[in-house]
Amino acid sequence: MEIKEVGELGLIERIKTKLAFPHQDIIKGIGDDACAIEIQKGRLLLSTSDALIEDVHFDLRFISAYKLILVMVLSLTLGISVNRAK
């Protein structure tokens, strides 16, 4: 099987089924690109992992590196906030 056959979200679902283990401290687990873990009462550790590849996801002739970083930060904060509110 190749990743292109199942796509990014399909791959994530496969990983979820292999590594799924419920834990009370995990607020938002594996998903599109972020997670939240309660490390102390009322304190969250937020983590994100993503890739933006030049000439695949963006072209530096039309978008700045600063804007790419902003997109990643917003992805993390909005993803966690929306899922926490559910």
PDB file of N, CA and C in Angstrom:
ATOM      1  N   MET A   1       0.839  -1.176   0.000  1.00  0.00           N
ATOM      2  CA  MET A   1       0.000   0.000   0.000  1.00  0.00           C
ATOM      3  C   MET A   1       0.887   1.243   0.000  1.00  0.00           C
ATOM      4  N   GLU A   2       0.477   2.233  -0.767  1.00  0.00           N
ATOM      5  CA  GLU A   2       1.165   3.512  -0.781  1.00  0.00           C
ATOM      6  C   GLU A   2       0.260   4.563  -0.150  1.00  0.00           C
ATOM      7  N   ILE A   3       0.879   5.574   0.455  1.00  0.00           N
ATOM      8  CA  ILE A   3       0.114   6.625   1.129  1.00  0.00           C
ATOM      9  C   ILE A   3      -0.863   7.289   0.172  1.00  0.00           C
ATOM     10  N   LYS A   4      -0.435   7.492  -1.082  1.00  0.00           N
ATOM     11  CA  LYS A   4      -1.321   8.162  -2.040  1.00  0.00           C
ATOM     12  C   LYS A   4      -2.607   7.373  -2.282  1.00  0.00           C
ATOM     13  N   GLU A   5      -2.604   6.078  -1.996  1.00  0.00           N
ATOM     14  CA  GLU A   5      -3.806   5.257  -2.169  1.00  0.00           C
ATOM     15  C   GLU A   5      -4.861   5.549  -1.104  1.00  0.00           C
ATOM     16  N   VAL A   6      -4.425   5.839   0.126  1.00  0.00           N
ATOM     17  CA  VAL A   6      -5.379   6.088   1.217  1.00  0.00           C
ATOM     18  C   VAL A   6      -5.500   7.564   1.562  1.00  0.00           C
ATOM     19  N   GLY A   7      -4.501   8.372   1.174  1.00  0.00           N
ATOM     20  CA  GLY A   7      -4.516   9.800   1.474  1.00  0.00           C
ATOM     21  C   GLY A   7      -4.059  10.084   2.895  1.00  0.00           C
ATOM     22  N   GLU A   8      -3.860  11.367   3.174  1.00  0.00           N
ATOM     23  CA  GLU A   8      -3.357  11.784   4.485  1.00  0.00           C
ATOM     24  C   GLU A   8      -4.293  11.370   5.617  1.00  0.00           C
ATOM     25  N   LEU A   9      -5.586  11.659   5.465  1.00  0.00           N
ATOM     26  CA  LEU A   9      -6.531  11.339   6.545  1.00  0.00           C
ATOM     27  C   LEU A   9      -6.734   9.836   6.688  1.00  0.00           C
ATOM     28  N   GLY A  10      -6.681   9.111   5.573  1.00  0.00           N
ATOM     29  CA  GLY A  10      -6.770   7.655   5.641  1.00  0.00           C
ATOM     30  C   GLY A  10      -5.590   7.062   6.388  1.00  0.00           C
ATOM     31  N   LEU A  11      -4.407   7.611   6.153  1.00  0.00           N
ATOM     32  CA  LEU A  11      -3.216   7.163   6.867  1.00  0.00           C
ATOM     33  C   LEU A  11      -3.349   7.439   8.360  1.00  0.00           C
ATOM     34  N   ILE A  12      -3.839   8.613   8.707  1.00  0.00           N
ATOM     35  CA  ILE A  12      -4.038   8.960  10.118  1.00  0.00           C
ATOM     36  C   ILE A  12      -4.997   7.973  10.777  1.00  0.00           C
ATOM     37  N   GLU A  13      -6.067   7.627  10.099  1.00  0.00           N
ATOM     38  CA  GLU A  13      -7.029   6.662  10.655  1.00  0.00           C
ATOM     39  C   GLU A  13      -6.378   5.302  10.880  1.00  0.00           C
ATOM     40  N   ARG A  14      -5.529   4.868   9.958  1.00  0.00           N
ATOM     41  CA  ARG A  14      -4.825   3.589  10.127  1.00  0.00           C
ATOM     42  C   ARG A  14      -3.901   3.630  11.337  1.00  0.00           C
ATOM     43  N   ILE A  15      -3.188   4.743  11.492  1.00  0.00           N
ATOM     44  CA  ILE A  15      -2.290   4.889  12.643  1.00  0.00           C
ATOM     45  C   ILE A  15      -3.091   4.908  13.938  1.00  0.00           C
ATOM     46  N   LYS A  16      -4.232   5.601  13.936  1.00  0.00           N
ATOM     47  CA  LYS A  16      -5.101   5.664  15.127  1.00  0.00           C
ATOM     48  C   LYS A  16      -5.490   4.269  15.597  1.00  0.00           C
ATOM     49  N   THR A  17      -5.878   3.410  14.664  1.00  0.00           N
ATOM     50  CA  THR A  17      -6.332   2.072  15.052  1.00  0.00           C
ATOM     51  C   THR A  17      -5.192   1.228  15.605  1.00  0.00           C
ATOM     52  N   LYS A  18      -3.983   1.454  15.132  1.00  0.00           N
ATOM     53  CA  LYS A  18      -2.825   0.678  15.605  1.00  0.00           C
ATOM     54  C   LYS A  18      -2.297   1.184  16.948  1.00  0.00           C
ATOM     55  N   LEU A  19      -2.396   2.490  17.180  1.00  0.00           N
ATOM     56  CA  LEU A  19      -1.794   3.088  18.373  1.00  0.00           C
ATOM     57  C   LEU A  19      -2.804   3.603  19.389  1.00  0.00           C
ATOM     58  N   ALA A  20      -4.058   3.305  19.174  1.00  0.00           N
ATOM     59  CA  ALA A  20      -5.099   3.847  20.058  1.00  0.00           C
ATOM     60  C   ALA A  20      -4.968   3.269  21.466  1.00  0.00           C
ATOM     61  N   PHE A  21      -4.816   4.149  22.427  1.00  0.00           N
ATOM     62  CA  PHE A  21      -4.849   3.762  23.828  1.00  0.00           C
ATOM     63  C   PHE A  21      -5.419   4.934  24.610  1.00  0.00           C
ATOM     64  N   PRO A  22      -6.604   4.756  25.179  1.00  0.00           N
ATOM     65  CA  PRO A  22      -7.232   5.863  25.898  1.00  0.00           C
ATOM     66  C   PRO A  22      -6.442   6.217  27.160  1.00  0.00           C
ATOM     67  N   HIS A  23      -6.316   7.486  27.399  1.00  0.00           N
ATOM     68  CA  HIS A  23      -5.658   7.959  28.613  1.00  0.00           C
ATOM     69  C   HIS A  23      -6.365   9.228  29.059  1.00  0.00           C
ATOM     70  N   GLN A  24      -6.638   9.338  30.336  1.00  0.00           N
ATOM     71  CA  GLN A  24      -7.424  10.452  30.869  1.00  0.00           C
ATOM     72  C   GLN A  24      -6.779  11.817  30.650  1.00  0.00           C
ATOM     73  N   ASP A  25      -5.455  11.875  30.493  1.00  0.00           N
ATOM     74  CA  ASP A  25      -4.775  13.160  30.323  1.00  0.00           C
ATOM     75  C   ASP A  25      -4.775  13.665  28.882  1.00  0.00           C
ATOM     76  N   ILE A  26      -5.118  12.810  27.934  1.00  0.00           N
ATOM     77  CA  ILE A  26      -5.130  13.222  26.532  1.00  0.00           C
ATOM     78  C   ILE A  26      -6.463  13.895  26.237  1.00  0.00           C
ATOM     79  N   ILE A  27      -6.414  15.204  26.023  1.00  0.00           N
ATOM     80  CA  ILE A  27      -7.611  15.996  25.743  1.00  0.00           C
ATOM     81  C   ILE A  27      -7.985  15.852  24.277  1.00  0.00           C
ATOM     82  N   LYS A  28      -7.011  15.972  23.410  1.00  0.00           N
ATOM     83  CA  LYS A  28      -7.203  15.830  21.966  1.00  0.00           C
ATOM     84  C   LYS A  28      -6.023  15.030  21.455  1.00  0.00           C
ATOM     85  N   GLY A  29      -6.274  13.813  21.026  1.00  0.00           N
ATOM     86  CA  GLY A  29      -5.197  12.940  20.586  1.00  0.00           C
ATOM     87  C   GLY A  29      -4.890  13.072  19.111  1.00  0.00           C
ATOM     88  N   ILE A  30      -4.347  12.001  18.558  1.00  0.00           N
ATOM     89  CA  ILE A  30      -3.930  11.995  17.163  1.00  0.00           C
ATOM     90  C   ILE A  30      -5.079  12.426  16.257  1.00  0.00           C
ATOM     91  N   GLY A  31      -4.741  13.270  15.327  1.00  0.00           N
ATOM     92  CA  GLY A  31      -5.727  13.799  14.393  1.00  0.00           C
ATOM     93  C   GLY A  31      -5.018  14.384  13.197  1.00  0.00           C
ATOM     94  N   ASP A  32      -5.545  15.443  12.675  1.00  0.00           N
ATOM     95  CA  ASP A  32      -4.958  16.009  11.467  1.00  0.00           C
ATOM     96  C   ASP A  32      -3.550  16.537  11.699  1.00  0.00           C
ATOM     97  N   ASP A  33      -3.346  17.335  12.723  1.00  0.00           N
ATOM     98  CA  ASP A  33      -1.995  17.877  12.905  1.00  0.00           C
ATOM     99  C   ASP A  33      -1.684  18.404  14.303  1.00  0.00           C
ATOM    100  N   ALA A  34      -2.498  18.102  15.303  1.00  0.00           N
ATOM    101  CA  ALA A  34      -2.239  18.654  16.632  1.00  0.00           C
ATOM    102  C   ALA A  34      -2.786  17.748  17.727  1.00  0.00           C
ATOM    103  N   CYS A  35      -2.242  17.922  18.936  1.00  0.00           N
ATOM    104  CA  CYS A  35      -2.781  17.200  20.089  1.00  0.00           C
ATOM    105  C   CYS A  35      -2.664  18.087  21.325  1.00  0.00           C
ATOM    106  N   ALA A  36      -3.431  17.750  22.349  1.00  0.00           N
ATOM    107  CA  ALA A  36      -3.388  18.466  23.628  1.00  0.00           C
ATOM    108  C   ALA A  36      -3.370  17.442  24.754  1.00  0.00           C
ATOM    109  N   ILE A  37      -2.418  17.591  25.657  1.00  0.00           N
ATOM    110  CA  ILE A  37      -2.275  16.682  26.789  1.00  0.00           C
ATOM    111  C   ILE A  37      -2.261  17.521  28.060  1.00  0.00           C
ATOM    112  N   GLU A  38      -3.096  17.152  29.026  1.00  0.00           N
ATOM    113  CA  GLU A  38      -3.119  17.875  30.304  1.00  0.00           C
ATOM    114  C   GLU A  38      -1.948  17.375  31.150  1.00  0.00           C
ATOM    115  N   ILE A  39      -0.925  18.224  31.311  1.00  0.00           N
ATOM    116  CA  ILE A  39       0.276  17.824  32.043  1.00  0.00           C
ATOM    117  C   ILE A  39       0.161  18.108  33.539  1.00  0.00           C
ATOM    118  N   GLN A  40      -0.677  19.071  33.896  1.00  0.00           N
ATOM    119  CA  GLN A  40      -1.037  19.375  35.278  1.00  0.00           C
ATOM    120  C   GLN A  40      -2.468  19.861  35.247  1.00  0.00           C
ATOM    121  N   LYS A  41      -3.125  19.832  36.369  1.00  0.00           N
ATOM    122  CA  LYS A  41      -4.497  20.319  36.433  1.00  0.00           C
ATOM    123  C   LYS A  41      -4.563  21.731  35.857  1.00  0.00           C
ATOM    124  N   GLY A  42      -5.319  21.894  34.781  1.00  0.00           N
ATOM    125  CA  GLY A  42      -5.495  23.203  34.170  1.00  0.00           C
ATOM    126  C   GLY A  42      -4.370  23.657  33.249  1.00  0.00           C
ATOM    127  N   ARG A  43      -3.343  22.814  33.030  1.00  0.00           N
ATOM    128  CA  ARG A  43      -2.219  23.173  32.145  1.00  0.00           C
ATOM    129  C   ARG A  43      -2.116  22.153  31.020  1.00  0.00           C
ATOM    130  N   LEU A  44      -2.159  22.663  29.795  1.00  0.00           N
ATOM    131  CA  LEU A  44      -2.097  21.793  28.626  1.00  0.00           C
ATOM    132  C   LEU A  44      -0.753  21.902  27.918  1.00  0.00           C
ATOM    133  N   LEU A  45      -0.295  20.782  27.400  1.00  0.00           N
ATOM    134  CA  LEU A  45       0.839  20.758  26.492  1.00  0.00           C
ATOM    135  C   LEU A  45       0.253  20.611  25.096  1.00  0.00           C
ATOM    136  N   LEU A  46       0.495  21.591  24.235  1.00  0.00           N
ATOM    137  CA  LEU A  46      -0.004  21.555  22.867  1.00  0.00           C
ATOM    138  C   LEU A  46       1.144  21.179  21.952  1.00  0.00           C
ATOM    139  N   SER A  47       0.871  20.303  21.003  1.00  0.00           N
ATOM    140  CA  SER A  47       1.904  19.862  20.076  1.00  0.00           C
ATOM    141  C   SER A  47       1.329  19.799  18.671  1.00  0.00           C
ATOM    142  N   THR A  48       2.158  20.136  17.706  1.00  0.00           N
ATOM    143  CA  THR A  48       1.727  20.046  16.321  1.00  0.00           C
ATOM    144  C   THR A  48       2.855  19.504  15.460  1.00  0.00           C
ATOM    145  N   SER A  49       2.484  18.850  14.412  1.00  0.00           N
ATOM    146  CA  SER A  49       3.452  18.337  13.455  1.00  0.00           C
ATOM    147  C   SER A  49       2.800  18.404  12.086  1.00  0.00           C
ATOM    148  N   ASP A  50       3.450  19.070  11.178  1.00  0.00           N
ATOM    149  CA  ASP A  50       2.865  19.225   9.848  1.00  0.00           C
ATOM    150  C   ASP A  50       3.987  19.519   8.871  1.00  0.00           C
ATOM    151  N   ALA A  51       3.687  19.448   7.619  1.00  0.00           N
ATOM    152  CA  ALA A  51       4.672  19.760   6.587  1.00  0.00           C
ATOM    153  C   ALA A  51       4.035  20.649   5.535  1.00  0.00           C
ATOM    154  N   LEU A  52       4.723  21.710   5.210  1.00  0.00           N
ATOM    155  CA  LEU A  52       4.351  22.554   4.081  1.00  0.00           C
ATOM    156  C   LEU A  52       5.536  22.503   3.127  1.00  0.00           C
ATOM    157  N   ILE A  53       5.330  21.936   1.967  1.00  0.00           N
ATOM    158  CA  ILE A  53       6.421  21.692   1.034  1.00  0.00           C
ATOM    159  C   ILE A  53       6.354  22.678  -0.129  1.00  0.00           C
ATOM    160  N   GLU A  54       7.482  23.380  -0.325  1.00  0.00           N
ATOM    161  CA  GLU A  54       7.548  24.366  -1.405  1.00  0.00           C
ATOM    162  C   GLU A  54       7.282  23.694  -2.748  1.00  0.00           C
ATOM    163  N   ASP A  55       6.532  24.368  -3.573  1.00  0.00           N
ATOM    164  CA  ASP A  55       6.116  23.905  -4.903  1.00  0.00           C
ATOM    165  C   ASP A  55       5.081  22.777  -4.849  1.00  0.00           C
ATOM    166  N   VAL A  56       4.708  22.365  -3.643  1.00  0.00           N
ATOM    167  CA  VAL A  56       3.592  21.421  -3.477  1.00  0.00           C
ATOM    168  C   VAL A  56       2.443  22.151  -2.793  1.00  0.00           C
ATOM    169  N   HIS A  57       2.719  22.726  -1.610  1.00  0.00           N
ATOM    170  CA  HIS A  57       1.702  23.430  -0.838  1.00  0.00           C
ATOM    171  C   HIS A  57       1.746  24.947  -1.008  1.00  0.00           C
ATOM    172  N   PHE A  58       2.851  25.471  -1.464  1.00  0.00           N
ATOM    173  CA  PHE A  58       2.985  26.922  -1.608  1.00  0.00           C
ATOM    174  C   PHE A  58       4.099  27.251  -2.601  1.00  0.00           C
ATOM    175  N   ASP A  59       4.115  28.495  -3.027  1.00  0.00           N
ATOM    176  CA  ASP A  59       5.144  29.025  -3.923  1.00  0.00           C
ATOM    177  C   ASP A  59       5.664  30.309  -3.283  1.00  0.00           C
ATOM    178  N   LEU A  60       6.950  30.341  -2.952  1.00  0.00           N
ATOM    179  CA  LEU A  60       7.520  31.500  -2.255  1.00  0.00           C
ATOM    180  C   LEU A  60       7.470  32.786  -3.074  1.00  0.00           C
ATOM    181  N   ARG A  61       7.173  32.686  -4.354  1.00  0.00           N
ATOM    182  CA  ARG A  61       7.007  33.909  -5.150  1.00  0.00           C
ATOM    183  C   ARG A  61       5.727  34.636  -4.760  1.00  0.00           C
ATOM    184  N   PHE A  62       4.773  33.897  -4.159  1.00  0.00           N
ATOM    185  CA  PHE A  62       3.466  34.476  -3.855  1.00  0.00           C
ATOM    186  C   PHE A  62       3.133  34.520  -2.370  1.00  0.00           C
ATOM    187  N   ILE A  63       3.932  33.877  -1.534  1.00  0.00           N
ATOM    188  CA  ILE A  63       3.644  33.829  -0.097  1.00  0.00           C
ATOM    189  C   ILE A  63       4.964  33.886   0.680  1.00  0.00           C
ATOM    190  N   SER A  64       4.977  34.621   1.788  1.00  0.00           N
ATOM    191  CA  SER A  64       6.212  34.775   2.569  1.00  0.00           C
ATOM    192  C   SER A  64       6.356  33.659   3.600  1.00  0.00           C
ATOM    193  N   ALA A  65       7.597  33.449   4.041  1.00  0.00           N
ATOM    194  CA  ALA A  65       7.859  32.452   5.082  1.00  0.00           C
ATOM    195  C   ALA A  65       7.128  32.826   6.375  1.00  0.00           C
ATOM    196  N   TYR A  66       7.037  34.122   6.675  1.00  0.00           N
ATOM    197  CA  TYR A  66       6.319  34.591   7.861  1.00  0.00           C
ATOM    198  C   TYR A  66       4.864  34.127   7.813  1.00  0.00           C
ATOM    199  N   LYS A  67       4.252  34.241   6.655  1.00  0.00           N
ATOM    200  CA  LYS A  67       2.857  33.842   6.506  1.00  0.00           C
ATOM    201  C   LYS A  67       2.701  32.327   6.704  1.00  0.00           C
ATOM    202  N   LEU A  68       3.668  31.547   6.257  1.00  0.00           N
ATOM    203  CA  LEU A  68       3.626  30.095   6.451  1.00  0.00           C
ATOM    204  C   LEU A  68       3.687  29.738   7.931  1.00  0.00           C
ATOM    205  N   ILE A  69       4.559  30.420   8.672  1.00  0.00           N
ATOM    206  CA  ILE A  69       4.654  30.180  10.113  1.00  0.00           C
ATOM    207  C   ILE A  69       3.338  30.547  10.790  1.00  0.00           C
ATOM    208  N   LEU A  70       2.755  31.654  10.397  1.00  0.00           N
ATOM    209  CA  LEU A  70       1.474  32.080  10.955  1.00  0.00           C
ATOM    210  C   LEU A  70       0.386  31.039  10.695  1.00  0.00           C
ATOM    211  N   VAL A  71       0.371  30.478   9.508  1.00  0.00           N
ATOM    212  CA  VAL A  71      -0.603  29.430   9.170  1.00  0.00           C
ATOM    213  C   VAL A  71      -0.446  28.236  10.110  1.00  0.00           C
ATOM    214  N   MET A  72       0.790  27.843  10.397  1.00  0.00           N
ATOM    215  CA  MET A  72       1.035  26.702  11.284  1.00  0.00           C
ATOM    216  C   MET A  72       0.580  27.004  12.715  1.00  0.00           C
ATOM    217  N   VAL A  73       0.881  28.200  13.206  1.00  0.00           N
ATOM    218  CA  VAL A  73       0.479  28.584  14.565  1.00  0.00           C
ATOM    219  C   VAL A  73      -1.044  28.640  14.671  1.00  0.00           C
ATOM    220  N   LEU A  74      -1.696  29.231  13.691  1.00  0.00           N
ATOM    221  CA  LEU A  74      -3.161  29.294  13.704  1.00  0.00           C
ATOM    222  C   LEU A  74      -3.780  27.910  13.620  1.00  0.00           C
ATOM    223  N   SER A  75      -3.191  27.036  12.829  1.00  0.00           N
ATOM    224  CA  SER A  75      -3.686  25.664  12.721  1.00  0.00           C
ATOM    225  C   SER A  75      -3.680  24.986  14.083  1.00  0.00           C
ATOM    226  N   LEU A  76      -2.604  25.151  14.812  1.00  0.00           N
ATOM    227  CA  LEU A  76      -2.495  24.564  16.147  1.00  0.00           C
ATOM    228  C   LEU A  76      -3.511  25.160  17.103  1.00  0.00           C
ATOM    229  N   THR A  77      -3.559  26.470  17.209  1.00  0.00           N
ATOM    230  CA  THR A  77      -4.437  27.101  18.194  1.00  0.00           C
ATOM    231  C   THR A  77      -5.907  26.907  17.868  1.00  0.00           C
ATOM    232  N   LEU A  78      -6.276  27.037  16.621  1.00  0.00           N
ATOM    233  CA  LEU A  78      -7.686  26.859  16.260  1.00  0.00           C
ATOM    234  C   LEU A  78      -8.110  25.404  16.358  1.00  0.00           C
ATOM    235  N   GLY A  79      -7.267  24.498  15.914  1.00  0.00           N
ATOM    236  CA  GLY A  79      -7.600  23.073  15.984  1.00  0.00           C
ATOM    237  C   GLY A  79      -7.841  22.616  17.404  1.00  0.00           C
ATOM    238  N   ILE A  80      -6.975  23.003  18.311  1.00  0.00           N
ATOM    239  CA  ILE A  80      -7.127  22.618  19.713  1.00  0.00           C
ATOM    240  C   ILE A  80      -8.335  23.313  20.325  1.00  0.00           C
ATOM    241  N   SER A  81      -8.507  24.603  20.063  1.00  0.00           N
ATOM    242  CA  SER A  81      -9.619  25.359  20.645  1.00  0.00           C
ATOM    243  C   SER A  81     -10.964  24.809  20.221  1.00  0.00           C
ATOM    244  N   VAL A  82     -11.125  24.550  18.950  1.00  0.00           N
ATOM    245  CA  VAL A  82     -12.398  24.034  18.434  1.00  0.00           C
ATOM    246  C   VAL A  82     -12.691  22.670  19.020  1.00  0.00           C
ATOM    247  N   ASN A  83     -11.690  21.788  19.056  1.00  0.00           N
ATOM    248  CA  ASN A  83     -11.916  20.448  19.574  1.00  0.00           C
ATOM    249  C   ASN A  83     -12.122  20.445  21.080  1.00  0.00           C
ATOM    250  N   ARG A  84     -11.511  21.355  21.780  1.00  0.00           N
ATOM    251  CA  ARG A  84     -11.694  21.443  23.239  1.00  0.00           C
ATOM    252  C   ARG A  84     -13.120  21.895  23.560  1.00  0.00           C
ATOM    253  N   ALA A  85     -13.687  22.743  22.702  1.00  0.00           N
ATOM    254  CA  ALA A  85     -15.027  23.280  22.933  1.00  0.00           C
ATOM    255  C   ALA A  85     -16.121  22.253  22.666  1.00  0.00           C
ATOM    256  N   LYS A  86     -15.809  21.193  21.948  1.00  0.00           N
ATOM    257  CA  LYS A  86     -16.841  20.200  21.578  1.00  0.00           C
ATOM    258  C   LYS A  86     -17.311  19.397  22.757  1.00  0.00           C
TER     259      LYS A  86
END
